[in-house]
């Protein structure tokens, strides 16, 4: 069997994992991605440079929302699932 080289997670899945890791017990929480902004001249050669924006991901976390939406998870429900999940 081949070893996976990549795993992908949706926004809610990531929010659940981070809520669990942070030990948050209440509220609606969603993914927070903080971006930076930089600029540079880039191109295949010095004769063909173009100004370009560089947008790095600075950090990833969770933030609390006032009401639920398509990006949030309920921390109480996440923790309830964690407690009832069987230990492997």
C-alpha atoms as a PDB file:
ATOM      1  CA  UNK A   1       0.000   0.000   0.000  1.00  0.00           C
ATOM      2  CA  UNK A   2       1.311   3.451  -0.954  1.00  0.00           C
ATOM      3  CA  UNK A   3       2.159   5.953   1.765  1.00  0.00           C
ATOM      4  CA  UNK A   4       0.081   9.122   1.489  1.00  0.00           C
ATOM      5  CA  UNK A   5       2.155  12.194   0.662  1.00  0.00           C
ATOM      6  CA  UNK A   6      -0.599  14.717   1.206  1.00  0.00           C
ATOM      7  CA  UNK A   7      -3.625  15.217   3.445  1.00  0.00           C
ATOM      8  CA  UNK A   8      -6.250  17.870   2.899  1.00  0.00           C
ATOM      9  CA  UNK A   9      -8.744  19.238   5.442  1.00  0.00           C
ATOM     10  CA  UNK A  10     -11.744  21.525   5.110  1.00  0.00           C
ATOM     11  CA  UNK A  11     -12.131  24.754   7.077  1.00  0.00           C
ATOM     12  CA  UNK A  12     -14.501  23.217   9.633  1.00  0.00           C
ATOM     13  CA  UNK A  13     -12.245  20.185  10.113  1.00  0.00           C
ATOM     14  CA  UNK A  14      -9.281  22.455  10.831  1.00  0.00           C
ATOM     15  CA  UNK A  15     -11.387  24.583  13.189  1.00  0.00           C
ATOM     16  CA  UNK A  16     -12.442  21.422  15.084  1.00  0.00           C
ATOM     17  CA  UNK A  17      -8.841  20.268  15.447  1.00  0.00           C
ATOM     18  CA  UNK A  18      -7.686  23.676  16.683  1.00  0.00           C
ATOM     19  CA  UNK A  19     -10.628  24.048  19.104  1.00  0.00           C
ATOM     20  CA  UNK A  20      -9.756  20.622  20.523  1.00  0.00           C
ATOM     21  CA  UNK A  21      -6.052  21.479  20.798  1.00  0.00           C
ATOM     22  CA  UNK A  22      -6.751  24.861  22.419  1.00  0.00           C
ATOM     23  CA  UNK A  23      -9.171  23.297  24.907  1.00  0.00           C
ATOM     24  CA  UNK A  24     -11.904  25.813  24.054  1.00  0.00           C
ATOM     25  CA  UNK A  25     -15.192  24.730  25.665  1.00  0.00           C
ATOM     26  CA  UNK A  26     -17.819  27.199  24.471  1.00  0.00           C
ATOM     27  CA  UNK A  27     -18.706  29.560  21.650  1.00  0.00           C
ATOM     28  CA  UNK A  28     -18.664  29.436  17.872  1.00  0.00           C
ATOM     29  CA  UNK A  29     -15.156  29.334  16.482  1.00  0.00           C
ATOM     30  CA  UNK A  30     -13.796  29.454  12.952  1.00  0.00           C
ATOM     31  CA  UNK A  31     -10.507  29.383  11.151  1.00  0.00           C
ATOM     32  CA  UNK A  32      -8.308  32.484  11.205  1.00  0.00           C
ATOM     33  CA  UNK A  33      -5.626  32.886   8.550  1.00  0.00           C
ATOM     34  CA  UNK A  34      -3.423  35.954   8.831  1.00  0.00           C
ATOM     35  CA  UNK A  35      -1.743  37.107   5.632  1.00  0.00           C
ATOM     36  CA  UNK A  36       1.230  39.388   5.124  1.00  0.00           C
ATOM     37  CA  UNK A  37       1.937  41.572   2.121  1.00  0.00           C
ATOM     38  CA  UNK A  38       5.223  42.231   0.391  1.00  0.00           C
ATOM     39  CA  UNK A  39       6.295  43.376  -3.043  1.00  0.00           C
ATOM     40  CA  UNK A  40       9.149  42.581  -5.359  1.00  0.00           C
ATOM     41  CA  UNK A  41      10.148  42.805  -8.981  1.00  0.00           C
ATOM     42  CA  UNK A  42      10.114  39.342 -10.511  1.00  0.00           C
ATOM     43  CA  UNK A  43      10.553  37.843 -13.945  1.00  0.00           C
ATOM     44  CA  UNK A  44      12.463  35.320 -15.998  1.00  0.00           C
ATOM     45  CA  UNK A  45      15.311  37.792 -16.609  1.00  0.00           C
ATOM     46  CA  UNK A  46      16.454  41.329 -15.706  1.00  0.00           C
ATOM     47  CA  UNK A  47      15.076  42.470 -19.074  1.00  0.00           C
ATOM     48  CA  UNK A  48      11.566  41.200 -18.289  1.00  0.00           C
ATOM     49  CA  UNK A  49      10.846  42.208 -14.681  1.00  0.00           C
ATOM     50  CA  UNK A  50       7.342  42.946 -13.400  1.00  0.00           C
ATOM     51  CA  UNK A  51       6.183  44.383 -10.076  1.00  0.00           C
ATOM     52  CA  UNK A  52       4.502  41.639  -8.075  1.00  0.00           C
ATOM     53  CA  UNK A  53       2.698  41.218  -4.786  1.00  0.00           C
ATOM     54  CA  UNK A  54       3.792  38.441  -2.450  1.00  0.00           C
ATOM     55  CA  UNK A  55       1.137  37.320   0.035  1.00  0.00           C
ATOM     56  CA  UNK A  56       2.605  34.882   2.574  1.00  0.00           C
ATOM     57  CA  UNK A  57       0.511  33.073   5.175  1.00  0.00           C
ATOM     58  CA  UNK A  58       1.812  34.443   8.474  1.00  0.00           C
ATOM     59  CA  UNK A  59      -0.101  32.185  10.862  1.00  0.00           C
ATOM     60  CA  UNK A  60      -3.183  30.025  11.246  1.00  0.00           C
ATOM     61  CA  UNK A  61      -5.476  29.952  14.255  1.00  0.00           C
ATOM     62  CA  UNK A  62      -9.086  30.216  15.373  1.00  0.00           C
ATOM     63  CA  UNK A  63     -11.259  33.172  16.219  1.00  0.00           C
ATOM     64  CA  UNK A  64     -14.582  33.421  18.004  1.00  0.00           C
ATOM     65  CA  UNK A  65     -17.672  34.461  16.038  1.00  0.00           C
ATOM     66  CA  UNK A  66     -20.805  36.070  17.504  1.00  0.00           C
ATOM     67  CA  UNK A  67     -23.115  33.675  15.662  1.00  0.00           C
ATOM     68  CA  UNK A  68     -22.706  30.409  13.745  1.00  0.00           C
ATOM     69  CA  UNK A  69     -21.971  30.438  10.017  1.00  0.00           C
ATOM     70  CA  UNK A  70     -20.664  28.082   7.336  1.00  0.00           C
ATOM     71  CA  UNK A  71     -17.097  28.383   8.678  1.00  0.00           C
ATOM     72  CA  UNK A  72     -17.696  27.863  12.407  1.00  0.00           C
ATOM     73  CA  UNK A  73     -17.904  24.946  14.793  1.00  0.00           C
ATOM     74  CA  UNK A  74     -19.588  24.874  18.197  1.00  0.00           C
ATOM     75  CA  UNK A  75     -16.829  24.283  20.769  1.00  0.00           C
ATOM     76  CA  UNK A  76     -19.234  22.529  23.172  1.00  0.00           C
ATOM     77  CA  UNK A  77     -20.193  20.028  20.443  1.00  0.00           C
ATOM     78  CA  UNK A  78     -16.549  19.477  19.467  1.00  0.00           C
ATOM     79  CA  UNK A  79     -15.594  18.749  23.083  1.00  0.00           C
ATOM     80  CA  UNK A  80     -18.639  16.470  23.525  1.00  0.00           C
ATOM     81  CA  UNK A  81     -17.541  14.425  20.473  1.00  0.00           C
ATOM     82  CA  UNK A  82     -13.988  14.306  21.830  1.00  0.00           C
ATOM     83  CA  UNK A  83     -15.130  12.873  25.183  1.00  0.00           C
ATOM     84  CA  UNK A  84     -17.324  10.220  23.569  1.00  0.00           C
ATOM     85  CA  UNK A  85     -14.778   9.169  20.931  1.00  0.00           C
ATOM     86  CA  UNK A  86     -13.290   5.728  21.549  1.00  0.00           C
ATOM     87  CA  UNK A  87      -9.612   5.629  22.452  1.00  0.00           C
ATOM     88  CA  UNK A  88      -7.684   3.599  19.848  1.00  0.00           C
END
